[in-house]
Amino acid sequence: MRKFGLIGKNISYSFSENYFTEKFRTEKIADTTYHTYDLDTISELPKLLKKNKQLKGLNVTIPYKEQVVPYLDEINKQARKIGAINTIKITKKGKLKGYNTDYYGFKQSLLPHLKPHHTSALILGTGGASKAVAYALKKLGIKYFYVSRNISEKETFTYQSLSKFAIQKNTIIINCTPLGTYPNIDACPDIPYQEITEKHLLFDLIYNPEETKFLQFGKQKKATTINGLRMLQLQADKSWQIWNK
């Protein structure tokens, strides 16, 4: 029996378990399971691994994409550049190798929607997922600015300082925060939505609900809107490739 799973905190809503369970069923992949492991702190990871010797791979979600790094024996070159991990391969010798497939999932799901005027972006949030998004934008030659509650070196804007000009100039806006995730579906990032136009592209990494408040506001302004489902499917399939190579 081969086991795979997802580690995170308060992740009962997660898409991954259903996605992989259905994949194993439809593709007739025998003796393989995927489970969600809700950890109160990342320090519970060694205990989880000790208890589940058949684990061959893990996905990592909020809030552990950066916190998991010290527990790894090796980090893939690309993931090291990104600075966040969402996939772990467990070798035959029990070594943990970290990868980032969020980058691939985001890049591939964004590409079909890009237009020539999409040259600059706002990244809402500064967690692990935002690092993969920033790396993808950099690779695509798209300038980006972080938006956070507090100013630090890498952030260019706080939510309070976002001006009409900043929204008009940055025609891609990506929500990397959990704001708007089920069950808190009335929440959304606090930005000046009235300045959004049909030239904007709003991408929300959230997939539950299908259309967040953030995307609804974008739709009202005739912007292109994308949720996180395709990104999630692509990164999951990439994880599966890594675990099986």
C-alpha atoms as a PDB file:
ATOM      1  CA  MET A   1       0.000   0.000   0.000  1.00  0.00           C
ATOM      2  CA  ARG A   2       1.348   3.422  -1.000  1.00  0.00           C
ATOM      3  CA  LYS A   3       0.098   6.452   0.921  1.00  0.00           C
ATOM      4  CA  PHE A   4       0.073  10.102  -0.056  1.00  0.00           C
ATOM      5  CA  GLY A   5      -1.467  13.094   1.653  1.00  0.00           C
ATOM      6  CA  LEU A   6      -1.826  16.780   2.375  1.00  0.00           C
ATOM      7  CA  ILE A   7      -0.553  18.610   5.447  1.00  0.00           C
ATOM      8  CA  GLY A   8      -1.914  21.981   6.564  1.00  0.00           C
ATOM      9  CA  LYS A   9      -4.051  23.549   9.278  1.00  0.00           C
ATOM     10  CA  ASN A  10      -7.878  23.688   9.256  1.00  0.00           C
ATOM     11  CA  ILE A  11      -7.973  22.025   5.836  1.00  0.00           C
ATOM     12  CA  SER A  12     -11.077  19.842   6.020  1.00  0.00           C
ATOM     13  CA  TYR A  13     -12.413  21.787   2.986  1.00  0.00           C
ATOM     14  CA  SER A  14      -9.462  20.721   0.829  1.00  0.00           C
ATOM     15  CA  PHE A  15      -9.866  19.665  -2.778  1.00  0.00           C
ATOM     16  CA  SER A  16      -6.835  17.349  -2.857  1.00  0.00           C
ATOM     17  CA  GLU A  17      -8.219  14.257  -1.118  1.00  0.00           C
ATOM     18  CA  ASN A  18     -11.252  14.026  -3.402  1.00  0.00           C
ATOM     19  CA  TYR A  19      -9.169  14.830  -6.481  1.00  0.00           C
ATOM     20  CA  PHE A  20      -6.608  12.093  -5.888  1.00  0.00           C
ATOM     21  CA  THR A  21      -9.144   9.523  -4.655  1.00  0.00           C
ATOM     22  CA  GLU A  22     -11.126  10.031  -7.870  1.00  0.00           C
ATOM     23  CA  LYS A  23      -7.919   9.875  -9.933  1.00  0.00           C
ATOM     24  CA  PHE A  24      -6.942   6.542  -8.358  1.00  0.00           C
ATOM     25  CA  ARG A  25     -10.442   5.184  -9.022  1.00  0.00           C
ATOM     26  CA  THR A  26     -10.783   6.297 -12.656  1.00  0.00           C
ATOM     27  CA  GLU A  27      -7.199   5.418 -13.615  1.00  0.00           C
ATOM     28  CA  LYS A  28      -7.415   2.093 -11.730  1.00  0.00           C
ATOM     29  CA  ILE A  29      -4.371   2.880  -9.592  1.00  0.00           C
ATOM     30  CA  ALA A  30      -4.471   0.080  -7.013  1.00  0.00           C
ATOM     31  CA  ASP A  31      -3.184  -0.034  -3.419  1.00  0.00           C
ATOM     32  CA  THR A  32      -2.808   3.750  -3.267  1.00  0.00           C
ATOM     33  CA  THR A  33      -4.547   6.199  -0.931  1.00  0.00           C
ATOM     34  CA  TYR A  34      -4.519   9.953  -0.284  1.00  0.00           C
ATOM     35  CA  HIS A  35      -5.527  11.518   3.028  1.00  0.00           C
ATOM     36  CA  THR A  36      -5.712  14.946   4.632  1.00  0.00           C
ATOM     37  CA  TYR A  37      -3.531  15.408   7.733  1.00  0.00           C
ATOM     38  CA  ASP A  38      -4.528  18.433   9.796  1.00  0.00           C
ATOM     39  CA  LEU A  39      -1.537  19.500  11.923  1.00  0.00           C
ATOM     40  CA  ASP A  40      -1.817  22.032  14.768  1.00  0.00           C
ATOM     41  CA  THR A  41       1.842  22.909  14.269  1.00  0.00           C
ATOM     42  CA  ILE A  42       4.492  21.855  11.737  1.00  0.00           C
ATOM     43  CA  SER A  43       6.454  20.274  14.610  1.00  0.00           C
ATOM     44  CA  GLU A  44       3.947  17.375  14.412  1.00  0.00           C
ATOM     45  CA  LEU A  45       5.373  16.328  11.009  1.00  0.00           C
ATOM     46  CA  PRO A  46       8.074  13.888  12.282  1.00  0.00           C
ATOM     47  CA  LYS A  47       5.462  12.099  14.435  1.00  0.00           C
ATOM     48  CA  LEU A  48       3.132  11.831  11.432  1.00  0.00           C
ATOM     49  CA  LEU A  49       5.898  10.303   9.287  1.00  0.00           C
ATOM     50  CA  LYS A  50       6.882   7.858  12.020  1.00  0.00           C
ATOM     51  CA  LYS A  51       3.276   6.732  12.387  1.00  0.00           C
ATOM     52  CA  ASN A  52       2.730   6.399   8.606  1.00  0.00           C
ATOM     53  CA  LYS A  53       5.727   4.498   7.238  1.00  0.00           C
ATOM     54  CA  GLN A  54       3.929   3.880   3.933  1.00  0.00           C
ATOM     55  CA  LEU A  55       3.828   7.608   3.063  1.00  0.00           C
ATOM     56  CA  LYS A  56       5.597   8.248  -0.253  1.00  0.00           C
ATOM     57  CA  GLY A  57       4.677  11.884  -0.780  1.00  0.00           C
ATOM     58  CA  LEU A  58       2.931  14.897   0.704  1.00  0.00           C
ATOM     59  CA  ASN A  59       1.399  18.128  -0.512  1.00  0.00           C
ATOM     60  CA  VAL A  60       1.805  21.153   1.769  1.00  0.00           C
ATOM     61  CA  THR A  61      -0.710  23.975   2.163  1.00  0.00           C
ATOM     62  CA  ILE A  62      -1.478  26.976   4.420  1.00  0.00           C
ATOM     63  CA  PRO A  63       0.282  27.819   6.726  1.00  0.00           C
ATOM     64  CA  TYR A  64       3.248  25.451   6.319  1.00  0.00           C
ATOM     65  CA  LYS A  65       4.708  26.126   2.847  1.00  0.00           C
ATOM     66  CA  GLU A  66       7.616  28.060   4.365  1.00  0.00           C
ATOM     67  CA  GLN A  67       7.616  26.533   7.865  1.00  0.00           C
ATOM     68  CA  VAL A  68       8.257  23.037   6.467  1.00  0.00           C
ATOM     69  CA  VAL A  69      11.680  23.972   5.002  1.00  0.00           C
ATOM     70  CA  PRO A  70      13.806  23.095   8.108  1.00  0.00           C
ATOM     71  CA  TYR A  71      12.309  19.565   8.121  1.00  0.00           C
ATOM     72  CA  LEU A  72      13.560  18.744   4.613  1.00  0.00           C
ATOM     73  CA  ASP A  73      16.750  16.883   3.728  1.00  0.00           C
ATOM     74  CA  GLU A  74      16.949  18.343   0.242  1.00  0.00           C
ATOM     75  CA  ILE A  75      15.255  21.105  -1.771  1.00  0.00           C
ATOM     76  CA  ASN A  76      14.832  21.198  -5.526  1.00  0.00           C
ATOM     77  CA  LYS A  77      16.737  24.125  -7.119  1.00  0.00           C
ATOM     78  CA  GLN A  78      13.590  25.888  -8.368  1.00  0.00           C
ATOM     79  CA  ALA A  79      11.802  25.508  -5.015  1.00  0.00           C
ATOM     80  CA  ARG A  80      14.859  26.952  -3.272  1.00  0.00           C
ATOM     81  CA  LYS A  81      14.680  30.044  -5.502  1.00  0.00           C
ATOM     82  CA  ILE A  82      10.957  30.398  -4.769  1.00  0.00           C
ATOM     83  CA  GLY A  83      11.404  29.933  -1.012  1.00  0.00           C
ATOM     84  CA  ALA A  84       8.234  27.894  -0.479  1.00  0.00           C
ATOM     85  CA  ILE A  85       7.383  24.186  -0.679  1.00  0.00           C
ATOM     86  CA  ASN A  86       4.072  22.579  -1.617  1.00  0.00           C
ATOM     87  CA  THR A  87       5.240  19.070  -2.558  1.00  0.00           C
ATOM     88  CA  ILE A  88       7.441  16.611  -0.672  1.00  0.00           C
ATOM     89  CA  LYS A  89       8.814  13.390  -2.101  1.00  0.00           C
ATOM     90  CA  ILE A  90       9.730  10.735   0.471  1.00  0.00           C
ATOM     91  CA  THR A  91      12.562   8.559  -0.839  1.00  0.00           C
ATOM     92  CA  LYS A  92      13.069   4.836  -0.217  1.00  0.00           C
ATOM     93  CA  LYS A  93      15.611   5.782   2.449  1.00  0.00           C
ATOM     94  CA  GLY A  94      13.048   8.037   4.149  1.00  0.00           C
ATOM     95  CA  LYS A  95      14.652  11.315   3.040  1.00  0.00           C
ATOM     96  CA  LEU A  96      12.382  14.308   2.388  1.00  0.00           C
ATOM     97  CA  LYS A  97      12.889  16.304  -0.806  1.00  0.00           C
ATOM     98  CA  GLY A  98      10.944  19.556  -1.307  1.00  0.00           C
ATOM     99  CA  TYR A  99       9.507  20.891  -4.565  1.00  0.00           C
ATOM    100  CA  ASN A 100       7.175  23.694  -5.661  1.00  0.00           C
ATOM    101  CA  THR A 101       4.466  22.790  -8.186  1.00  0.00           C
ATOM    102  CA  ASP A 102       2.341  25.891  -7.377  1.00  0.00           C
ATOM    103  CA  TYR A 103       4.622  27.842  -9.715  1.00  0.00           C
ATOM    104  CA  TYR A 104       3.850  25.507 -12.625  1.00  0.00           C
ATOM    105  CA  GLY A 105       0.111  25.390 -11.875  1.00  0.00           C
ATOM    106  CA  PHE A 106      -0.210  29.168 -11.642  1.00  0.00           C
ATOM    107  CA  LYS A 107       1.893  29.909 -14.731  1.00  0.00           C
ATOM    108  CA  GLN A 108       0.050  27.435 -16.954  1.00  0.00           C
ATOM    109  CA  SER A 109      -3.413  28.559 -15.839  1.00  0.00           C
ATOM    110  CA  LEU A 110      -2.548  32.259 -16.279  1.00  0.00           C
ATOM    111  CA  LEU A 111      -0.882  32.017 -19.721  1.00  0.00           C
ATOM    112  CA  PRO A 112      -4.025  31.514 -21.895  1.00  0.00           C
ATOM    113  CA  HIS A 113      -5.577  34.717 -20.488  1.00  0.00           C
ATOM    114  CA  LEU A 114      -2.639  37.111 -20.906  1.00  0.00           C
ATOM    115  CA  LYS A 115      -2.985  40.070 -23.273  1.00  0.00           C
ATOM    116  CA  PRO A 116      -0.233  42.465 -24.480  1.00  0.00           C
ATOM    117  CA  HIS A 117      -1.298  45.141 -21.947  1.00  0.00           C
ATOM    118  CA  HIS A 118      -0.872  42.761 -18.995  1.00  0.00           C
ATOM    119  CA  THR A 119       2.628  43.955 -18.117  1.00  0.00           C
ATOM    120  CA  SER A 120       2.387  44.696 -14.391  1.00  0.00           C
ATOM    121  CA  ALA A 121       0.704  42.948 -11.441  1.00  0.00           C
ATOM    122  CA  LEU A 122      -0.347  43.372  -7.822  1.00  0.00           C
ATOM    123  CA  ILE A 123       0.111  40.326  -5.582  1.00  0.00           C
ATOM    124  CA  LEU A 124      -2.257  40.483  -2.606  1.00  0.00           C
ATOM    125  CA  GLY A 125      -0.635  38.706   0.347  1.00  0.00           C
ATOM    126  CA  THR A 126       2.923  37.637   1.129  1.00  0.00           C
ATOM    127  CA  GLY A 127       2.615  33.984   2.223  1.00  0.00           C
ATOM    128  CA  GLY A 128       4.071  30.861   0.630  1.00  0.00           C
ATOM    129  CA  ALA A 129       1.701  30.842  -2.352  1.00  0.00           C
ATOM    130  CA  SER A 130       2.550  34.446  -3.234  1.00  0.00           C
ATOM    131  CA  LYS A 131       6.222  33.472  -3.606  1.00  0.00           C
ATOM    132  CA  ALA A 132       5.393  30.928  -6.334  1.00  0.00           C
ATOM    133  CA  VAL A 133       3.167  33.514  -8.057  1.00  0.00           C
ATOM    134  CA  ALA A 134       5.962  36.121  -7.962  1.00  0.00           C
ATOM    135  CA  TYR A 135       8.443  33.613  -9.419  1.00  0.00           C
ATOM    136  CA  ALA A 136       6.039  32.771 -12.275  1.00  0.00           C
ATOM    137  CA  LEU A 137       5.441  36.457 -13.067  1.00  0.00           C
ATOM    138  CA  LYS A 138       9.177  37.082 -13.089  1.00  0.00           C
ATOM    139  CA  LYS A 139       9.683  34.199 -15.545  1.00  0.00           C
ATOM    140  CA  LEU A 140       6.916  35.656 -17.751  1.00  0.00           C
ATOM    141  CA  GLY A 141       8.580  39.084 -17.727  1.00  0.00           C
ATOM    142  CA  ILE A 142       5.699  40.676 -15.803  1.00  0.00           C
ATOM    143  CA  LYS A 143       6.602  43.337 -13.248  1.00  0.00           C
ATOM    144  CA  TYR A 144       4.920  42.862  -9.850  1.00  0.00           C
ATOM    145  CA  PHE A 145       4.336  44.589  -6.516  1.00  0.00           C
ATOM    146  CA  TYR A 146       3.286  42.995  -3.243  1.00  0.00           C
ATOM    147  CA  VAL A 147       0.343  44.368  -1.270  1.00  0.00           C
ATOM    148  CA  SER A 148       0.316  43.647   2.459  1.00  0.00           C
ATOM    149  CA  ARG A 149      -1.193  44.897   5.694  1.00  0.00           C
ATOM    150  CA  ASN A 150       2.229  46.110   6.811  1.00  0.00           C
ATOM    151  CA  ILE A 151       5.093  47.663   4.901  1.00  0.00           C
ATOM    152  CA  SER A 152       8.325  45.673   4.849  1.00  0.00           C
ATOM    153  CA  GLU A 153      11.221  45.729   2.411  1.00  0.00           C
ATOM    154  CA  LYS A 154       9.692  43.587  -0.333  1.00  0.00           C
ATOM    155  CA  GLU A 155       6.190  45.067  -0.218  1.00  0.00           C
ATOM    156  CA  THR A 156       5.551  48.186  -2.208  1.00  0.00           C
ATOM    157  CA  PHE A 157       2.006  48.935  -1.055  1.00  0.00           C
ATOM    158  CA  THR A 158      -0.175  48.522   1.976  1.00  0.00           C
ATOM    159  CA  TYR A 159      -3.911  48.114   1.396  1.00  0.00           C
ATOM    160  CA  GLN A 160      -4.383  51.652   2.739  1.00  0.00           C
ATOM    161  CA  SER A 161      -1.867  53.136   0.300  1.00  0.00           C
ATOM    162  CA  LEU A 162      -3.327  51.557  -2.863  1.00  0.00           C
ATOM    163  CA  SER A 163      -4.217  54.469  -5.100  1.00  0.00           C
ATOM    164  CA  LYS A 164      -6.419  54.801  -8.180  1.00  0.00           C
ATOM    165  CA  PHE A 165      -3.186  55.055 -10.188  1.00  0.00           C
ATOM    166  CA  ALA A 166      -1.781  51.798  -8.722  1.00  0.00           C
ATOM    167  CA  ILE A 167      -4.923  49.874  -9.723  1.00  0.00           C
ATOM    168  CA  GLN A 168      -5.030  51.435 -13.209  1.00  0.00           C
ATOM    169  CA  LYS A 169      -1.329  50.738 -13.844  1.00  0.00           C
ATOM    170  CA  ASN A 170      -1.330  47.121 -12.601  1.00  0.00           C
ATOM    171  CA  THR A 171      -3.818  45.314 -14.815  1.00  0.00           C
ATOM    172  CA  ILE A 172      -3.246  41.888 -13.216  1.00  0.00           C
ATOM    173  CA  ILE A 173      -4.405  41.482  -9.592  1.00  0.00           C
ATOM    174  CA  ILE A 174      -3.832  38.155  -7.854  1.00  0.00           C
ATOM    175  CA  ASN A 175      -5.401  37.232  -4.529  1.00  0.00           C
ATOM    176  CA  CYS A 176      -2.979  35.004  -2.604  1.00  0.00           C
ATOM    177  CA  THR A 177      -4.722  35.586   0.724  1.00  0.00           C
ATOM    178  CA  PRO A 178      -7.301  33.152   2.205  1.00  0.00           C
ATOM    179  CA  LEU A 179      -9.876  35.994   2.339  1.00  0.00           C
ATOM    180  CA  GLY A 180     -13.142  34.776   0.832  1.00  0.00           C
ATOM    181  CA  THR A 181     -12.548  31.047   1.351  1.00  0.00           C
ATOM    182  CA  TYR A 182     -15.595  28.993   2.383  1.00  0.00           C
ATOM    183  CA  PRO A 183     -17.255  29.417   4.876  1.00  0.00           C
ATOM    184  CA  ASN A 184     -16.205  33.113   5.069  1.00  0.00           C
ATOM    185  CA  ILE A 185     -17.533  33.842   1.592  1.00  0.00           C
ATOM    186  CA  ASP A 186     -18.435  37.493   2.288  1.00  0.00           C
ATOM    187  CA  ALA A 187     -14.827  38.468   2.964  1.00  0.00           C
ATOM    188  CA  CYS A 188     -12.504  39.900   0.313  1.00  0.00           C
ATOM    189  CA  PRO A 189      -9.258  41.899   0.109  1.00  0.00           C
ATOM    190  CA  ASP A 190      -9.773  45.593   0.799  1.00  0.00           C
ATOM    191  CA  ILE A 191      -8.785  47.247  -2.499  1.00  0.00           C
ATOM    192  CA  PRO A 192     -10.432  50.043  -4.565  1.00  0.00           C
ATOM    193  CA  TYR A 193     -12.578  47.796  -6.790  1.00  0.00           C
ATOM    194  CA  GLN A 194     -14.238  50.853  -8.367  1.00  0.00           C
ATOM    195  CA  GLU A 195     -11.008  51.475 -10.341  1.00  0.00           C
ATOM    196  CA  ILE A 196     -11.046  48.050 -12.043  1.00  0.00           C
ATOM    197  CA  THR A 197     -11.833  48.018 -15.781  1.00  0.00           C
ATOM    198  CA  GLU A 198     -12.397  45.488 -18.578  1.00  0.00           C
ATOM    199  CA  LYS A 199      -8.618  45.601 -19.171  1.00  0.00           C
ATOM    200  CA  HIS A 200      -7.966  43.974 -15.798  1.00  0.00           C
ATOM    201  CA  LEU A 201      -7.362  40.304 -15.094  1.00  0.00           C
ATOM    202  CA  LEU A 202      -8.323  39.150 -11.579  1.00  0.00           C
ATOM    203  CA  PHE A 203      -6.938  35.789 -10.476  1.00  0.00           C
ATOM    204  CA  ASP A 204      -8.022  34.268  -7.158  1.00  0.00           C
ATOM    205  CA  LEU A 205      -6.050  31.277  -5.850  1.00  0.00           C
ATOM    206  CA  ILE A 206      -9.197  30.285  -3.932  1.00  0.00           C
ATOM    207  CA  TYR A 207     -11.384  27.618  -5.575  1.00  0.00           C
ATOM    208  CA  ASN A 208     -14.094  27.226  -2.902  1.00  0.00           C
ATOM    209  CA  PRO A 209     -16.394  29.051  -3.534  1.00  0.00           C
ATOM    210  CA  GLU A 210     -16.071  28.935  -7.318  1.00  0.00           C
ATOM    211  CA  GLU A 211     -16.618  32.700  -7.500  1.00  0.00           C
ATOM    212  CA  THR A 212     -15.334  34.709  -4.553  1.00  0.00           C
ATOM    213  CA  LYS A 213     -16.445  38.222  -3.673  1.00  0.00           C
ATOM    214  CA  PHE A 214     -13.099  39.404  -5.138  1.00  0.00           C
ATOM    215  CA  LEU A 215     -13.965  37.814  -8.505  1.00  0.00           C
ATOM    216  CA  GLN A 216     -17.582  39.008  -8.360  1.00  0.00           C
ATOM    217  CA  PHE A 217     -16.403  42.617  -8.050  1.00  0.00           C
ATOM    218  CA  GLY A 218     -14.086  42.060 -11.025  1.00  0.00           C
ATOM    219  CA  LYS A 219     -16.891  40.547 -13.098  1.00  0.00           C
ATOM    220  CA  GLN A 220     -19.116  43.557 -12.386  1.00  0.00           C
ATOM    221  CA  LYS A 221     -16.401  45.718 -13.970  1.00  0.00           C
ATOM    222  CA  LYS A 222     -16.140  43.321 -16.965  1.00  0.00           C
ATOM    223  CA  ALA A 223     -12.623  42.217 -16.002  1.00  0.00           C
ATOM    224  CA  THR A 224     -11.337  38.734 -16.899  1.00  0.00           C
ATOM    225  CA  THR A 225     -11.731  36.538 -13.813  1.00  0.00           C
ATOM    226  CA  ILE A 226     -10.033  33.207 -12.999  1.00  0.00           C
ATOM    227  CA  ASN A 227     -10.378  31.054  -9.891  1.00  0.00           C
ATOM    228  CA  GLY A 228      -7.770  28.670  -8.492  1.00  0.00           C
ATOM    229  CA  LEU A 229      -9.255  25.344  -9.619  1.00  0.00           C
ATOM    230  CA  ARG A 230      -7.221  24.868 -12.823  1.00  0.00           C
ATOM    231  CA  MET A 231      -4.044  25.873 -11.007  1.00  0.00           C
ATOM    232  CA  LEU A 232      -4.801  23.303  -8.317  1.00  0.00           C
ATOM    233  CA  GLN A 233      -5.412  20.504 -10.822  1.00  0.00           C
ATOM    234  CA  LEU A 234      -2.186  21.293 -12.671  1.00  0.00           C
ATOM    235  CA  GLN A 235      -0.060  21.454  -9.520  1.00  0.00           C
ATOM    236  CA  ALA A 236      -1.619  18.203  -8.239  1.00  0.00           C
ATOM    237  CA  ASP A 237      -0.799  16.389 -11.501  1.00  0.00           C
ATOM    238  CA  LYS A 238       2.748  17.762 -11.369  1.00  0.00           C
ATOM    239  CA  SER A 239       3.088  16.483  -7.776  1.00  0.00           C
ATOM    240  CA  TRP A 240       1.964  13.043  -8.931  1.00  0.00           C
ATOM    241  CA  GLN A 241       4.665  13.054 -11.632  1.00  0.00           C
ATOM    242  CA  ILE A 242       7.323  13.955  -9.062  1.00  0.00           C
ATOM    243  CA  TRP A 243       6.231  11.210  -6.656  1.00  0.00           C
ATOM    244  CA  ASN A 244       6.315   8.602  -9.412  1.00  0.00           C
ATOM    245  CA  LYS A 245       9.531   9.448 -11.240  1.00  0.00           C
END
